[in-house]
Amino acid sequence: MNSKTHSEPRVHSLSTLRLKPAFRSPKRVTITMPNATFEQLQSRAEGEGRSLSNLAAFLLESSLQPSVKETSAASIQQRPLDRSFH
């Protein structure tokens, strides 16, 4: 029997193999919307010189970003008091 120890290939857990968000492939979804909403979206996309899909993705992404007010309020709530009041 061979007494040499050989190392097994290292197995990575799923958490170590997760890719950074910038390297993940985009996902595709299908939505149903009222005709008037579609027409407004289509008109805006044409006016901005972008595709309907690009505009829809932009609007969805921007709606998920915290607003300046929310960010400011959250940072004020998390900030410890750094001075005493007399």
Protein backbone atom coordinates (compact mmCIF):
# COMPACT_ATOMS: atom_id res chain seq x y z
CA MET A 1 0.00 0.00 0.00
CA ASN A 2 1.29 3.44 -0.85
CA SER A 3 1.88 5.53 2.30
CA LYS A 4 2.12 8.84 0.47
CA THR A 5 -0.69 11.19 1.29
CA HIS A 6 -2.28 12.94 -1.62
CA SER A 7 -4.64 15.81 -1.24
CA GLU A 8 -8.14 15.61 -2.57
CA PRO A 9 -9.27 18.42 -4.85
CA ARG A 10 -10.72 21.21 -2.79
CA VAL A 11 -14.48 21.39 -2.93
CA HIS A 12 -15.90 24.88 -2.68
CA SER A 13 -19.22 25.54 -1.06
CA LEU A 14 -21.90 27.33 -3.03
CA SER A 15 -21.30 30.52 -1.07
CA THR A 16 -17.65 30.68 -2.18
CA LEU A 17 -18.61 30.06 -5.80
CA ARG A 18 -21.20 32.81 -6.00
CA LEU A 19 -20.23 35.39 -8.55
CA LYS A 20 -20.20 39.09 -7.95
CA PRO A 21 -23.39 40.74 -9.23
CA ALA A 22 -21.51 42.48 -12.06
CA PHE A 23 -20.60 39.09 -13.53
CA ARG A 24 -24.00 37.47 -13.35
CA SER A 25 -25.93 37.19 -16.55
CA PRO A 26 -29.06 39.33 -16.82
CA LYS A 27 -32.43 37.67 -16.30
CA ARG A 28 -35.45 37.93 -18.55
CA VAL A 29 -39.02 38.45 -17.36
CA THR A 30 -42.36 38.87 -19.06
CA ILE A 31 -44.96 41.28 -17.69
CA THR A 32 -48.50 42.22 -18.57
CA MET A 33 -49.53 45.87 -18.39
CA PRO A 34 -52.45 48.01 -19.47
CA ASN A 35 -52.37 49.23 -23.06
CA ALA A 36 -52.16 52.88 -21.97
CA THR A 37 -49.11 52.14 -19.82
CA PHE A 38 -47.45 50.29 -22.69
CA GLU A 39 -48.08 53.20 -25.04
CA GLN A 40 -46.63 55.70 -22.53
CA LEU A 41 -43.58 53.50 -22.01
CA GLN A 42 -43.09 53.02 -25.76
CA SER A 43 -43.43 56.75 -26.39
CA ARG A 44 -40.92 57.60 -23.66
CA ALA A 45 -38.45 54.98 -24.93
CA GLU A 46 -38.63 56.40 -28.45
CA GLY A 47 -38.24 59.95 -27.10
CA GLU A 48 -35.13 58.94 -25.14
CA GLY A 49 -33.69 56.94 -28.04
CA ARG A 50 -33.61 53.65 -26.17
CA SER A 51 -35.34 50.32 -26.43
CA LEU A 52 -38.50 49.56 -24.53
CA SER A 53 -36.66 46.80 -22.68
CA ASN A 54 -33.80 49.10 -21.69
CA LEU A 55 -36.16 51.78 -20.39
CA ALA A 56 -38.24 49.25 -18.44
CA ALA A 57 -35.10 47.78 -16.82
CA PHE A 58 -33.83 51.28 -15.97
CA LEU A 59 -37.13 52.29 -14.39
CA LEU A 60 -37.34 49.10 -12.35
CA GLU A 61 -33.72 49.39 -11.15
CA SER A 62 -34.09 53.05 -10.23
CA SER A 63 -37.30 52.35 -8.32
CA LEU A 64 -35.41 49.87 -6.12
CA GLN A 65 -32.66 52.35 -5.19
CA PRO A 66 -33.19 54.15 -1.89
CA SER A 67 -34.10 57.78 -2.33
CA VAL A 68 -31.88 60.55 -0.95
CA LYS A 69 -34.44 61.18 1.82
CA GLU A 70 -34.49 57.49 2.85
CA THR A 71 -30.69 57.29 2.85
CA SER A 72 -30.33 60.46 4.93
CA ALA A 73 -32.97 59.36 7.43
CA ALA A 74 -31.37 55.93 7.80
CA SER A 75 -27.90 57.36 8.38
CA ILE A 76 -29.24 59.80 10.99
CA GLN A 77 -30.98 56.97 12.85
CA GLN A 78 -27.86 54.79 12.82
CA ARG A 79 -25.43 57.53 13.83
CA PRO A 80 -24.58 57.51 17.56
CA LEU A 81 -24.75 60.73 19.52
CA ASP A 82 -21.27 62.23 19.55
CA ARG A 83 -21.90 65.06 21.98
CA SER A 84 -23.78 65.54 25.20
CA PHE A 85 -26.50 68.11 25.58
CA HIS A 86 -26.54 70.56 28.49
